[in-house]
Amino acid sequence: MFIFLCICSLLVPLSMILLGVKWKENPPKDRQGVSGYRTTMSRLNDDTWKTAHHYWGMINLVLGIMLAVITICILMIVRNSMDFEMIVTYLVFIQLGVMAITIIPTEFLLHKHFTKTGAKK
C-alpha cells in the first residue's frame, strides 16, 4: 500500500514536470483543441498562446520539481504514521491547489504584455 500511495502522490508533480517541459517550448498547435493552457486571454492569437504556454510551462516545471522533492521528503517522514493514507490525501489536494494557482501569475503576465484584444502593449 505504501508504494501505491507514493506513486499516486507523485502523479501531480510528475504531470506538472512533463507538461512544463513539453509546453515550455512546444505549445499545442490547435488553440481550439482539447489540450493546452486554455483561457480566454491565452486563446486570442498565436502570440498570447505561445507566451502563456512558455510562462506556464516554466512555472510548472519549477513547481513540479519542488513539489516532487517536498512530497518525497514528507512521504519518508510520515511513512510509519498511522495516518499515512490521510496525509497522502491532503498532500494530493495541496498539490492540486498549487497547480491551479499557477493560472494567476500566467494571467497577470498576459495582461501585462497584451491588450484585451491580444495586441502587444
PDB file of N, CA and C in Angstrom:
ATOM      1  N   MET A   1       0.824  -1.192   0.000  1.00  0.00           N
ATOM      2  CA  MET A   1       0.000   0.000   0.000  1.00  0.00           C
ATOM      3  C   MET A   1       0.869   1.258   0.000  1.00  0.00           C
ATOM      4  N   PHE A   2       2.011   1.174   0.680  1.00  0.00           N
ATOM      5  CA  PHE A   2       2.908   2.324   0.751  1.00  0.00           C
ATOM      6  C   PHE A   2       3.376   2.730  -0.638  1.00  0.00           C
ATOM      7  N   ILE A   3       3.800   1.774  -1.439  1.00  0.00           N
ATOM      8  CA  ILE A   3       4.315   2.082  -2.781  1.00  0.00           C
ATOM      9  C   ILE A   3       3.208   2.646  -3.662  1.00  0.00           C
ATOM     10  N   PHE A   4       2.017   2.062  -3.598  1.00  0.00           N
ATOM     11  CA  PHE A   4       0.888   2.558  -4.387  1.00  0.00           C
ATOM     12  C   PHE A   4       0.573   4.011  -4.037  1.00  0.00           C
ATOM     13  N   LEU A   5       0.514   4.327  -2.763  1.00  0.00           N
ATOM     14  CA  LEU A   5       0.212   5.695  -2.342  1.00  0.00           C
ATOM     15  C   LEU A   5       1.341   6.654  -2.692  1.00  0.00           C
ATOM     16  N   CYS A   6       2.573   6.183  -2.643  1.00  0.00           N
ATOM     17  CA  CYS A   6       3.702   7.027  -3.063  1.00  0.00           C
ATOM     18  C   CYS A   6       3.583   7.376  -4.541  1.00  0.00           C
ATOM     19  N   ILE A   7       3.257   6.384  -5.360  1.00  0.00           N
ATOM     20  CA  ILE A   7       3.088   6.631  -6.797  1.00  0.00           C
ATOM     21  C   ILE A   7       1.940   7.601  -7.032  1.00  0.00           C
ATOM     22  N   CYS A   8       0.821   7.384  -6.354  1.00  0.00           N
ATOM     23  CA  CYS A   8      -0.339   8.280  -6.511  1.00  0.00           C
ATOM     24  C   CYS A   8      -0.001   9.705  -6.091  1.00  0.00           C
ATOM     25  N   SER A   9       0.762   9.844  -5.019  1.00  0.00           N
ATOM     26  CA  SER A   9       1.078  11.188  -4.530  1.00  0.00           C
ATOM     27  C   SER A   9       2.080  11.912  -5.421  1.00  0.00           C
ATOM     28  N   LEU A  10       2.755  11.190  -6.301  1.00  0.00           N
ATOM     29  CA  LEU A  10       3.709  11.828  -7.218  1.00  0.00           C
ATOM     30  C   LEU A  10       3.120  12.094  -8.603  1.00  0.00           C
ATOM     31  N   LEU A  11       1.873  11.700  -8.834  1.00  0.00           N
ATOM     32  CA  LEU A  11       1.263  11.908 -10.150  1.00  0.00           C
ATOM     33  C   LEU A  11       1.127  13.386 -10.508  1.00  0.00           C
ATOM     34  N   VAL A  12       0.688  14.210  -9.574  1.00  0.00           N
ATOM     35  CA  VAL A  12       0.514  15.640  -9.865  1.00  0.00           C
ATOM     36  C   VAL A  12       1.862  16.318 -10.123  1.00  0.00           C
ATOM     37  N   PRO A  13       2.865  16.159  -9.247  1.00  0.00           N
ATOM     38  CA  PRO A  13       4.153  16.799  -9.551  1.00  0.00           C
ATOM     39  C   PRO A  13       4.771  16.308 -10.859  1.00  0.00           C
ATOM     40  N   LEU A  14       4.680  15.016 -11.134  1.00  0.00           N
ATOM     41  CA  LEU A  14       5.248  14.500 -12.381  1.00  0.00           C
ATOM     42  C   LEU A  14       4.491  15.024 -13.597  1.00  0.00           C
ATOM     43  N   SER A  15       3.176  15.170 -13.478  1.00  0.00           N
ATOM     44  CA  SER A  15       2.390  15.766 -14.569  1.00  0.00           C
ATOM     45  C   SER A  15       2.809  17.209 -14.807  1.00  0.00           C
ATOM     46  N   MET A  16       3.034  17.936 -13.722  1.00  0.00           N
ATOM     47  CA  MET A  16       3.476  19.321 -13.854  1.00  0.00           C
ATOM     48  C   MET A  16       4.833  19.395 -14.545  1.00  0.00           C
ATOM     49  N   ILE A  17       5.736  18.501 -14.176  1.00  0.00           N
ATOM     50  CA  ILE A  17       7.068  18.493 -14.786  1.00  0.00           C
ATOM     51  C   ILE A  17       6.968  18.155 -16.269  1.00  0.00           C
ATOM     52  N   LEU A  18       6.216  17.112 -16.602  1.00  0.00           N
ATOM     53  CA  LEU A  18       6.093  16.696 -18.004  1.00  0.00           C
ATOM     54  C   LEU A  18       5.434  17.774 -18.861  1.00  0.00           C
ATOM     55  N   LEU A  19       4.347  18.360 -18.366  1.00  0.00           N
ATOM     56  CA  LEU A  19       3.692  19.432 -19.128  1.00  0.00           C
ATOM     57  C   LEU A  19       4.582  20.659 -19.214  1.00  0.00           C
ATOM     58  N   GLY A  20       5.306  20.943 -18.152  1.00  0.00           N
ATOM     59  CA  GLY A  20       6.220  22.081 -18.172  1.00  0.00           C
ATOM     60  C   GLY A  20       7.291  21.928 -19.226  1.00  0.00           C
ATOM     61  N   VAL A  21       7.901  20.760 -19.279  1.00  0.00           N
ATOM     62  CA  VAL A  21       8.946  20.507 -20.275  1.00  0.00           C
ATOM     63  C   VAL A  21       8.363  20.556 -21.682  1.00  0.00           C
ATOM     64  N   LYS A  22       7.218  19.920 -21.862  1.00  0.00           N
ATOM     65  CA  LYS A  22       6.621  19.824 -23.197  1.00  0.00           C
ATOM     66  C   LYS A  22       6.112  21.170 -23.702  1.00  0.00           C
ATOM     67  N   TRP A  23       5.351  21.868 -22.887  1.00  0.00           N
ATOM     68  CA  TRP A  23       4.677  23.083 -23.354  1.00  0.00           C
ATOM     69  C   TRP A  23       5.545  24.325 -23.286  1.00  0.00           C
ATOM     70  N   LYS A  24       6.640  24.275 -22.551  1.00  0.00           N
ATOM     71  CA  LYS A  24       7.517  25.449 -22.469  1.00  0.00           C
ATOM     72  C   LYS A  24       8.032  25.829 -23.854  1.00  0.00           C
ATOM     73  N   GLU A  25       8.399  24.861 -24.636  1.00  0.00           N
ATOM     74  CA  GLU A  25       8.947  25.127 -25.969  1.00  0.00           C
ATOM     75  C   GLU A  25       7.995  24.754 -27.099  1.00  0.00           C
ATOM     76  N   ASN A  26       7.083  23.824 -26.856  1.00  0.00           N
ATOM     77  CA  ASN A  26       6.196  23.340 -27.918  1.00  0.00           C
ATOM     78  C   ASN A  26       4.744  23.341 -27.466  1.00  0.00           C
ATOM     79  N   PRO A  27       4.084  24.487 -27.512  1.00  0.00           N
ATOM     80  CA  PRO A  27       2.671  24.503 -27.117  1.00  0.00           C
ATOM     81  C   PRO A  27       1.842  23.698 -28.110  1.00  0.00           C
ATOM     82  N   PRO A  28       0.663  23.235 -27.702  1.00  0.00           N
ATOM     83  CA  PRO A  28      -0.201  22.524 -28.645  1.00  0.00           C
ATOM     84  C   PRO A  28      -0.475  23.394 -29.873  1.00  0.00           C
ATOM     85  N   LYS A  29      -0.560  22.770 -31.021  1.00  0.00           N
ATOM     86  CA  LYS A  29      -0.726  23.512 -32.279  1.00  0.00           C
ATOM     87  C   LYS A  29      -2.094  24.183 -32.387  1.00  0.00           C
ATOM     88  N   ASP A  30      -3.131  23.479 -31.968  1.00  0.00           N
ATOM     89  CA  ASP A  30      -4.500  23.954 -32.160  1.00  0.00           C
ATOM     90  C   ASP A  30      -4.993  24.700 -30.922  1.00  0.00           C
ATOM     91  N   ARG A  31      -5.207  26.007 -31.074  1.00  0.00           N
ATOM     92  CA  ARG A  31      -5.707  26.805 -29.939  1.00  0.00           C
ATOM     93  C   ARG A  31      -7.115  26.399 -29.545  1.00  0.00           C
ATOM     94  N   GLN A  32      -7.872  25.852 -30.474  1.00  0.00           N
ATOM     95  CA  GLN A  32      -9.250  25.465 -30.182  1.00  0.00           C
ATOM     96  C   GLN A  32      -9.367  23.977 -29.855  1.00  0.00           C
ATOM     97  N   GLY A  33      -8.246  23.300 -29.712  1.00  0.00           N
ATOM     98  CA  GLY A  33      -8.238  21.870 -29.408  1.00  0.00           C
ATOM     99  C   GLY A  33      -8.628  21.588 -27.965  1.00  0.00           C
ATOM    100  N   VAL A  34      -8.446  20.353 -27.570  1.00  0.00           N
ATOM    101  CA  VAL A  34      -8.876  19.948 -26.230  1.00  0.00           C
ATOM    102  C   VAL A  34      -7.782  20.070 -25.175  1.00  0.00           C
ATOM    103  N   SER A  35      -6.528  20.214 -25.588  1.00  0.00           N
ATOM    104  CA  SER A  35      -5.470  20.314 -24.588  1.00  0.00           C
ATOM    105  C   SER A  35      -4.780  21.662 -24.679  1.00  0.00           C
ATOM    106  N   GLY A  36      -4.147  22.042 -23.587  1.00  0.00           N
ATOM    107  CA  GLY A  36      -3.417  23.297 -23.565  1.00  0.00           C
ATOM    108  C   GLY A  36      -3.858  24.181 -22.421  1.00  0.00           C
ATOM    109  N   TYR A  37      -3.118  25.255 -22.235  1.00  0.00           N
ATOM    110  CA  TYR A  37      -3.476  26.278 -21.250  1.00  0.00           C
ATOM    111  C   TYR A  37      -4.567  27.121 -21.903  1.00  0.00           C
ATOM    112  N   ARG A  38      -5.815  26.793 -21.626  1.00  0.00           N
ATOM    113  CA  ARG A  38      -6.945  27.342 -22.364  1.00  0.00           C
ATOM    114  C   ARG A  38      -7.730  28.351 -21.527  1.00  0.00           C
ATOM    115  N   THR A  39      -7.321  29.600 -21.589  1.00  0.00           N
ATOM    116  CA  THR A  39      -8.105  30.677 -21.004  1.00  0.00           C
ATOM    117  C   THR A  39      -8.489  31.625 -22.129  1.00  0.00           C
ATOM    118  N   THR A  40      -9.410  32.516 -21.852  1.00  0.00           N
ATOM    119  CA  THR A  40      -9.848  33.468 -22.874  1.00  0.00           C
ATOM    120  C   THR A  40      -8.676  34.279 -23.392  1.00  0.00           C
ATOM    121  N   MET A  41      -7.845  34.741 -22.498  1.00  0.00           N
ATOM    122  CA  MET A  41      -6.706  35.573 -22.894  1.00  0.00           C
ATOM    123  C   MET A  41      -5.676  34.777 -23.691  1.00  0.00           C
ATOM    124  N   SER A  42      -5.408  33.552 -23.292  1.00  0.00           N
ATOM    125  CA  SER A  42      -4.360  32.773 -23.971  1.00  0.00           C
ATOM    126  C   SER A  42      -4.768  32.350 -25.378  1.00  0.00           C
ATOM    127  N   ARG A  43      -6.059  32.263 -25.659  1.00  0.00           N
ATOM    128  CA  ARG A  43      -6.515  31.812 -26.977  1.00  0.00           C
ATOM    129  C   ARG A  43      -6.761  32.942 -27.968  1.00  0.00           C
ATOM    130  N   LEU A  44      -6.416  34.176 -27.619  1.00  0.00           N
ATOM    131  CA  LEU A  44      -6.698  35.299 -28.516  1.00  0.00           C
ATOM    132  C   LEU A  44      -5.942  35.212 -29.836  1.00  0.00           C
ATOM    133  N   ASN A  45      -4.658  34.896 -29.783  1.00  0.00           N
ATOM    134  CA  ASN A  45      -3.864  34.770 -31.013  1.00  0.00           C
ATOM    135  C   ASN A  45      -2.641  33.896 -30.734  1.00  0.00           C
ATOM    136  N   ASP A  46      -1.824  33.693 -31.751  1.00  0.00           N
ATOM    137  CA  ASP A  46      -0.653  32.821 -31.584  1.00  0.00           C
ATOM    138  C   ASP A  46       0.358  33.371 -30.584  1.00  0.00           C
ATOM    139  N   ASP A  47       0.513  34.695 -30.533  1.00  0.00           N
ATOM    140  CA  ASP A  47       1.459  35.288 -29.577  1.00  0.00           C
ATOM    141  C   ASP A  47       1.039  35.022 -28.134  1.00  0.00           C
ATOM    142  N   THR A  48      -0.227  35.261 -27.832  1.00  0.00           N
ATOM    143  CA  THR A  48      -0.701  35.025 -26.467  1.00  0.00           C
ATOM    144  C   THR A  48      -0.646  33.535 -26.133  1.00  0.00           C
ATOM    145  N   TRP A  49      -0.969  32.698 -27.101  1.00  0.00           N
ATOM    146  CA  TRP A  49      -0.944  31.244 -26.913  1.00  0.00           C
ATOM    147  C   TRP A  49       0.468  30.767 -26.568  1.00  0.00           C
ATOM    148  N   LYS A  50       1.456  31.207 -27.352  1.00  0.00           N
ATOM    149  CA  LYS A  50       2.838  30.778 -27.127  1.00  0.00           C
ATOM    150  C   LYS A  50       3.403  31.363 -25.833  1.00  0.00           C
ATOM    151  N   THR A  51       3.102  32.637 -25.569  1.00  0.00           N
ATOM    152  CA  THR A  51       3.590  33.274 -24.345  1.00  0.00           C
ATOM    153  C   THR A  51       3.019  32.587 -23.112  1.00  0.00           C
ATOM    154  N   ALA A  52       1.725  32.318 -23.129  1.00  0.00           N
ATOM    155  CA  ALA A  52       1.083  31.663 -21.988  1.00  0.00           C
ATOM    156  C   ALA A  52       1.685  30.286 -21.736  1.00  0.00           C
ATOM    157  N   HIS A  53       1.880  29.518 -22.783  1.00  0.00           N
ATOM    158  CA  HIS A  53       2.427  28.175 -22.605  1.00  0.00           C
ATOM    159  C   HIS A  53       3.888  28.197 -22.167  1.00  0.00           C
ATOM    160  N   HIS A  54       4.653  29.123 -22.700  1.00  0.00           N
ATOM    161  CA  HIS A  54       6.058  29.216 -22.293  1.00  0.00           C
ATOM    162  C   HIS A  54       6.156  29.554 -20.804  1.00  0.00           C
ATOM    163  N   TYR A  55       5.414  30.568 -20.377  1.00  0.00           N
ATOM    164  CA  TYR A  55       5.476  31.001 -18.983  1.00  0.00           C
ATOM    165  C   TYR A  55       4.883  29.945 -18.052  1.00  0.00           C
ATOM    166  N   TRP A  56       3.707  29.416 -18.423  1.00  0.00           N
ATOM    167  CA  TRP A  56       3.055  28.400 -17.598  1.00  0.00           C
ATOM    168  C   TRP A  56       3.926  27.150 -17.515  1.00  0.00           C
ATOM    169  N   GLY A  57       4.588  26.808 -18.620  1.00  0.00           N
ATOM    170  CA  GLY A  57       5.484  25.661 -18.629  1.00  0.00           C
ATOM    171  C   GLY A  57       6.656  25.842 -17.682  1.00  0.00           C
ATOM    172  N   MET A  58       7.242  27.041 -17.681  1.00  0.00           N
ATOM    173  CA  MET A  58       8.363  27.305 -16.773  1.00  0.00           C
ATOM    174  C   MET A  58       7.919  27.214 -15.318  1.00  0.00           C
ATOM    175  N   ILE A  59       6.775  27.825 -15.016  1.00  0.00           N
ATOM    176  CA  ILE A  59       6.260  27.786 -13.642  1.00  0.00           C
ATOM    177  C   ILE A  59       6.017  26.342 -13.211  1.00  0.00           C
ATOM    178  N   ASN A  60       5.363  25.569 -14.068  1.00  0.00           N
ATOM    179  CA  ASN A  60       5.045  24.190 -13.715  1.00  0.00           C
ATOM    180  C   ASN A  60       6.277  23.312 -13.606  1.00  0.00           C
ATOM    181  N   LEU A  61       7.257  23.556 -14.431  1.00  0.00           N
ATOM    182  CA  LEU A  61       8.493  22.781 -14.345  1.00  0.00           C
ATOM    183  C   LEU A  61       9.163  23.005 -12.991  1.00  0.00           C
ATOM    184  N   VAL A  62       9.312  24.254 -12.610  1.00  0.00           N
ATOM    185  CA  VAL A  62       9.965  24.578 -11.331  1.00  0.00           C
ATOM    186  C   VAL A  62       9.134  24.085 -10.148  1.00  0.00           C
ATOM    187  N   LEU A  63       7.836  24.408 -10.150  1.00  0.00           N
ATOM    188  CA  LEU A  63       6.992  23.991  -9.029  1.00  0.00           C
ATOM    189  C   LEU A  63       6.827  22.478  -8.981  1.00  0.00           C
ATOM    190  N   GLY A  64       6.783  21.831 -10.136  1.00  0.00           N
ATOM    191  CA  GLY A  64       6.667  20.377 -10.168  1.00  0.00           C
ATOM    192  C   GLY A  64       7.870  19.699  -9.535  1.00  0.00           C
ATOM    193  N   ILE A  65       9.059  20.200  -9.845  1.00  0.00           N
ATOM    194  CA  ILE A  65      10.276  19.644  -9.236  1.00  0.00           C
ATOM    195  C   ILE A  65      10.261  19.883  -7.727  1.00  0.00           C
ATOM    196  N   MET A  66       9.897  21.099  -7.332  1.00  0.00           N
ATOM    197  CA  MET A  66       9.836  21.409  -5.897  1.00  0.00           C
ATOM    198  C   MET A  66       8.811  20.519  -5.190  1.00  0.00           C
ATOM    199  N   LEU A  67       7.622  20.377  -5.782  1.00  0.00           N
ATOM    200  CA  LEU A  67       6.589  19.542  -5.167  1.00  0.00           C
ATOM    201  C   LEU A  67       7.023  18.081  -5.090  1.00  0.00           C
ATOM    202  N   ALA A  68       7.705  17.591  -6.109  1.00  0.00           N
ATOM    203  CA  ALA A  68       8.164  16.199  -6.091  1.00  0.00           C
ATOM    204  C   ALA A  68       9.157  15.975  -4.953  1.00  0.00           C
ATOM    205  N   VAL A  69      10.102  16.885  -4.799  1.00  0.00           N
ATOM    206  CA  VAL A  69      11.099  16.751  -3.727  1.00  0.00           C
ATOM    207  C   VAL A  69      10.428  16.847  -2.359  1.00  0.00           C
ATOM    208  N   ILE A  70       9.558  17.833  -2.191  1.00  0.00           N
ATOM    209  CA  ILE A  70       8.862  18.005  -0.910  1.00  0.00           C
ATOM    210  C   ILE A  70       7.995  16.789  -0.610  1.00  0.00           C
ATOM    211  N   THR A  71       7.300  16.289  -1.628  1.00  0.00           N
ATOM    212  CA  THR A  71       6.438  15.124  -1.443  1.00  0.00           C
ATOM    213  C   THR A  71       7.245  13.910  -1.006  1.00  0.00           C
ATOM    214  N   ILE A  72       8.359  13.657  -1.662  1.00  0.00           N
ATOM    215  CA  ILE A  72       9.198  12.509  -1.290  1.00  0.00           C
ATOM    216  C   ILE A  72       9.697  12.656   0.146  1.00  0.00           C
ATOM    217  N   CYS A  73      10.100  13.861   0.522  1.00  0.00           N
ATOM    218  CA  CYS A  73      10.559  14.096   1.903  1.00  0.00           C
ATOM    219  C   CYS A  73       9.439  13.836   2.903  1.00  0.00           C
ATOM    220  N   ILE A  74       8.255  14.356   2.616  1.00  0.00           N
ATOM    221  CA  ILE A  74       7.118  14.157   3.525  1.00  0.00           C
ATOM    222  C   ILE A  74       6.760  12.678   3.616  1.00  0.00           C
ATOM    223  N   LEU A  75       6.757  11.988   2.482  1.00  0.00           N
ATOM    224  CA  LEU A  75       6.431  10.559   2.495  1.00  0.00           C
ATOM    225  C   LEU A  75       7.427   9.762   3.336  1.00  0.00           C
ATOM    226  N   MET A  76       8.686  10.114   3.257  1.00  0.00           N
ATOM    227  CA  MET A  76       9.695   9.406   4.048  1.00  0.00           C
ATOM    228  C   MET A  76       9.537   9.693   5.543  1.00  0.00           C
ATOM    229  N   ILE A  77       9.145  10.926   5.857  1.00  0.00           N
ATOM    230  CA  ILE A  77       8.983  11.301   7.267  1.00  0.00           C
ATOM    231  C   ILE A  77       7.773  10.608   7.886  1.00  0.00           C
ATOM    232  N   VAL A  78       6.668  10.516   7.144  1.00  0.00           N
ATOM    233  CA  VAL A  78       5.414  10.001   7.714  1.00  0.00           C
ATOM    234  C   VAL A  78       5.105   8.565   7.305  1.00  0.00           C
ATOM    235  N   ARG A  79       6.053   7.846   6.730  1.00  0.00           N
ATOM    236  CA  ARG A  79       5.769   6.505   6.195  1.00  0.00           C
ATOM    237  C   ARG A  79       5.287   5.514   7.253  1.00  0.00           C
ATOM    238  N   ASN A  80       5.667   5.699   8.483  1.00  0.00           N
ATOM    239  CA  ASN A  80       5.239   4.782   9.546  1.00  0.00           C
ATOM    240  C   ASN A  80       4.089   5.342  10.376  1.00  0.00           C
ATOM    241  N   SER A  81       3.538   6.452   9.945  1.00  0.00           N
ATOM    242  CA  SER A  81       2.449   7.086  10.685  1.00  0.00           C
ATOM    243  C   SER A  81       1.155   6.291  10.527  1.00  0.00           C
ATOM    244  N   MET A  82       0.346   6.317  11.557  1.00  0.00           N
ATOM    245  CA  MET A  82      -0.964   5.660  11.500  1.00  0.00           C
ATOM    246  C   MET A  82      -1.893   6.376  10.524  1.00  0.00           C
ATOM    247  N   ASP A  83      -1.653   7.666  10.312  1.00  0.00           N
ATOM    248  CA  ASP A  83      -2.500   8.467   9.430  1.00  0.00           C
ATOM    249  C   ASP A  83      -1.881   8.653   8.050  1.00  0.00           C
ATOM    250  N   PHE A  84      -1.078   7.716   7.600  1.00  0.00           N
ATOM    251  CA  PHE A  84      -0.359   7.864   6.336  1.00  0.00           C
ATOM    252  C   PHE A  84      -1.310   8.112   5.161  1.00  0.00           C
ATOM    253  N   GLU A  85      -2.395   7.343   5.087  1.00  0.00           N
ATOM    254  CA  GLU A  85      -3.337   7.494   3.972  1.00  0.00           C
ATOM    255  C   GLU A  85      -3.971   8.882   3.968  1.00  0.00           C
ATOM    256  N   MET A  86      -4.333   9.370   5.143  1.00  0.00           N
ATOM    257  CA  MET A  86      -4.952  10.691   5.248  1.00  0.00           C
ATOM    258  C   MET A  86      -3.951  11.779   4.878  1.00  0.00           C
ATOM    259  N   ILE A  87      -2.723  11.633   5.296  1.00  0.00           N
ATOM    260  CA  ILE A  87      -1.682  12.614   4.971  1.00  0.00           C
ATOM    261  C   ILE A  87      -1.459  12.657   3.467  1.00  0.00           C
ATOM    262  N   VAL A  88      -1.425  11.493   2.819  1.00  0.00           N
ATOM    263  CA  VAL A  88      -1.254  11.441   1.364  1.00  0.00           C
ATOM    264  C   VAL A  88      -2.430  12.115   0.665  1.00  0.00           C
ATOM    265  N   THR A  89      -3.638  11.902   1.163  1.00  0.00           N
ATOM    266  CA  THR A  89      -4.821  12.542   0.578  1.00  0.00           C
ATOM    267  C   THR A  89      -4.709  14.057   0.666  1.00  0.00           C
ATOM    268  N   TYR A  90      -4.363  14.571   1.829  1.00  0.00           N
ATOM    269  CA  TYR A  90      -4.189  16.019   1.982  1.00  0.00           C
ATOM    270  C   TYR A  90      -3.071  16.539   1.088  1.00  0.00           C
ATOM    271  N   LEU A  91      -2.015  15.773   0.988  1.00  0.00           N
ATOM    272  CA  LEU A  91      -0.875  16.159   0.160  1.00  0.00           C
ATOM    273  C   LEU A  91      -1.286  16.311  -1.304  1.00  0.00           C
ATOM    274  N   VAL A  92      -2.080  15.375  -1.808  1.00  0.00           N
ATOM    275  CA  VAL A  92      -2.532  15.447  -3.202  1.00  0.00           C
ATOM    276  C   VAL A  92      -3.436  16.662  -3.408  1.00  0.00           C
ATOM    277  N   PHE A  93      -4.320  16.943  -2.464  1.00  0.00           N
ATOM    278  CA  PHE A  93      -5.180  18.122  -2.598  1.00  0.00           C
ATOM    279  C   PHE A  93      -4.366  19.414  -2.578  1.00  0.00           C
ATOM    280  N   ILE A  94      -3.347  19.470  -1.758  1.00  0.00           N
ATOM    281  CA  ILE A  94      -2.463  20.648  -1.734  1.00  0.00           C
ATOM    282  C   ILE A  94      -1.746  20.787  -3.071  1.00  0.00           C
ATOM    283  N   GLN A  95      -1.279  19.680  -3.617  1.00  0.00           N
ATOM    284  CA  GLN A  95      -0.607  19.707  -4.920  1.00  0.00           C
ATOM    285  C   GLN A  95      -1.545  20.217  -6.011  1.00  0.00           C
ATOM    286  N   LEU A  96      -2.782  19.748  -6.006  1.00  0.00           N
ATOM    287  CA  LEU A  96      -3.760  20.216  -6.997  1.00  0.00           C
ATOM    288  C   LEU A  96      -4.025  21.710  -6.834  1.00  0.00           C
ATOM    289  N   GLY A  97      -4.059  22.178  -5.587  1.00  0.00           N
ATOM    290  CA  GLY A  97      -4.228  23.606  -5.340  1.00  0.00           C
ATOM    291  C   GLY A  97      -3.069  24.416  -5.885  1.00  0.00           C
ATOM    292  N   VAL A  98      -1.853  23.930  -5.677  1.00  0.00           N
ATOM    293  CA  VAL A  98      -0.670  24.622  -6.211  1.00  0.00           C
ATOM    294  C   VAL A  98      -0.734  24.664  -7.728  1.00  0.00           C
ATOM    295  N   MET A  99      -1.130  23.557  -8.342  1.00  0.00           N
ATOM    296  CA  MET A  99      -1.227  23.518  -9.805  1.00  0.00           C
ATOM    297  C   MET A  99      -2.281  24.513 -10.306  1.00  0.00           C
ATOM    298  N   ALA A 100      -3.398  24.612  -9.610  1.00  0.00           N
ATOM    299  CA  ALA A 100      -4.450  25.549 -10.018  1.00  0.00           C
ATOM    300  C   ALA A 100      -4.003  26.998  -9.845  1.00  0.00           C
ATOM    301  N   ILE A 101      -3.240  27.276  -8.814  1.00  0.00           N
ATOM    302  CA  ILE A 101      -2.789  28.642  -8.542  1.00  0.00           C
ATOM    303  C   ILE A 101      -1.834  29.148  -9.619  1.00  0.00           C
ATOM    304  N   THR A 102      -1.203  28.243 -10.373  1.00  0.00           N
ATOM    305  CA  THR A 102      -0.277  28.679 -11.429  1.00  0.00           C
ATOM    306  C   THR A 102      -0.977  29.488 -12.514  1.00  0.00           C
ATOM    307  N   ILE A 103      -2.279  29.434 -12.550  1.00  0.00           N
ATOM    308  CA  ILE A 103      -3.044  30.218 -13.526  1.00  0.00           C
ATOM    309  C   ILE A 103      -2.893  31.710 -13.238  1.00  0.00           C
ATOM    310  N   ILE A 104      -2.855  32.088 -11.974  1.00  0.00           N
ATOM    311  CA  ILE A 104      -2.852  33.503 -11.588  1.00  0.00           C
ATOM    312  C   ILE A 104      -1.642  34.259 -12.137  1.00  0.00           C
ATOM    313  N   PRO A 105      -0.399  33.826 -11.892  1.00  0.00           N
ATOM    314  CA  PRO A 105       0.727  34.601 -12.440  1.00  0.00           C
ATOM    315  C   PRO A 105       0.766  34.594 -13.965  1.00  0.00           C
ATOM    316  N   THR A 106       0.292  33.526 -14.575  1.00  0.00           N
ATOM    317  CA  THR A 106       0.278  33.465 -16.039  1.00  0.00           C
ATOM    318  C   THR A 106      -0.693  34.490 -16.602  1.00  0.00           C
ATOM    319  N   GLU A 107      -1.853  34.611 -16.000  1.00  0.00           N
ATOM    320  CA  GLU A 107      -2.826  35.600 -16.471  1.00  0.00           C
ATOM    321  C   GLU A 107      -2.324  37.023 -16.224  1.00  0.00           C
ATOM    322  N   PHE A 108      -1.668  37.250 -15.089  1.00  0.00           N
ATOM    323  CA  PHE A 108      -1.078  38.573 -14.843  1.00  0.00           C
ATOM    324  C   PHE A 108      -0.057  38.917 -15.917  1.00  0.00           C
ATOM    325  N   LEU A 109       0.779  37.958 -16.277  1.00  0.00           N
ATOM    326  CA  LEU A 109       1.777  38.187 -17.316  1.00  0.00           C
ATOM    327  C   LEU A 109       1.107  38.517 -18.649  1.00  0.00           C
ATOM    328  N   LEU A 110       0.074  37.774 -19.011  1.00  0.00           N
ATOM    329  CA  LEU A 110      -0.617  38.035 -20.275  1.00  0.00           C
ATOM    330  C   LEU A 110      -1.243  39.424 -20.283  1.00  0.00           C
ATOM    331  N   HIS A 111      -1.878  39.809 -19.174  1.00  0.00           N
ATOM    332  CA  HIS A 111      -2.493  41.137 -19.106  1.00  0.00           C
ATOM    333  C   HIS A 111      -1.449  42.248 -19.070  1.00  0.00           C
ATOM    334  N   LYS A 112      -0.256  41.941 -18.586  1.00  0.00           N
ATOM    335  CA  LYS A 112       0.814  42.936 -18.543  1.00  0.00           C
ATOM    336  C   LYS A 112       1.395  43.185 -19.934  1.00  0.00           C
ATOM    337  N   HIS A 113       1.492  42.150 -20.746  1.00  0.00           N
ATOM    338  CA  HIS A 113       2.164  42.257 -22.042  1.00  0.00           C
ATOM    339  C   HIS A 113       1.225  42.382 -23.240  1.00  0.00           C
ATOM    340  N   PHE A 114      -0.067  42.117 -23.051  1.00  0.00           N
ATOM    341  CA  PHE A 114      -1.012  42.157 -24.163  1.00  0.00           C
ATOM    342  C   PHE A 114      -2.260  42.947 -23.776  1.00  0.00           C
ATOM    343  N   THR A 115      -2.881  43.568 -24.784  1.00  0.00           N
ATOM    344  CA  THR A 115      -4.160  44.245 -24.556  1.00  0.00           C
ATOM    345  C   THR A 115      -5.264  43.197 -24.531  1.00  0.00           C
ATOM    346  N   LYS A 116      -6.483  43.631 -24.251  1.00  0.00           N
ATOM    347  CA  LYS A 116      -7.611  42.699 -24.202  1.00  0.00           C
ATOM    348  C   LYS A 116      -7.943  42.102 -25.561  1.00  0.00           C
ATOM    349  N   THR A 117      -7.444  42.728 -26.626  1.00  0.00           N
ATOM    350  CA  THR A 117      -7.664  42.187 -27.970  1.00  0.00           C
ATOM    351  C   THR A 117      -6.509  41.304 -28.426  1.00  0.00           C
ATOM    352  N   GLY A 118      -5.458  41.194 -27.621  1.00  0.00           N
ATOM    353  CA  GLY A 118      -4.326  40.339 -27.942  1.00  0.00           C
ATOM    354  C   GLY A 118      -3.146  41.049 -28.576  1.00  0.00           C
ATOM    355  N   ALA A 119      -3.247  42.375 -28.761  1.00  0.00           N
ATOM    356  CA  ALA A 119      -2.123  43.131 -29.335  1.00  0.00           C
ATOM    357  C   ALA A 119      -1.067  43.354 -28.253  1.00  0.00           C
ATOM    358  N   LYS A 120       0.197  43.364 -28.662  1.00  0.00           N
ATOM    359  CA  LYS A 120       1.270  43.612 -27.695  1.00  0.00           C
ATOM    360  C   LYS A 120       1.216  45.049 -27.219  1.00  0.00           C
ATOM    361  N   LYS A 121       1.484  45.247 -25.932  1.00  0.00           N
ATOM    362  CA  LYS A 121       1.487  46.604 -25.367  1.00  0.00           C
ATOM    363  C   LYS A 121       2.795  47.281 -25.664  1.00  0.00           C
TER     364      LYS A 121
END
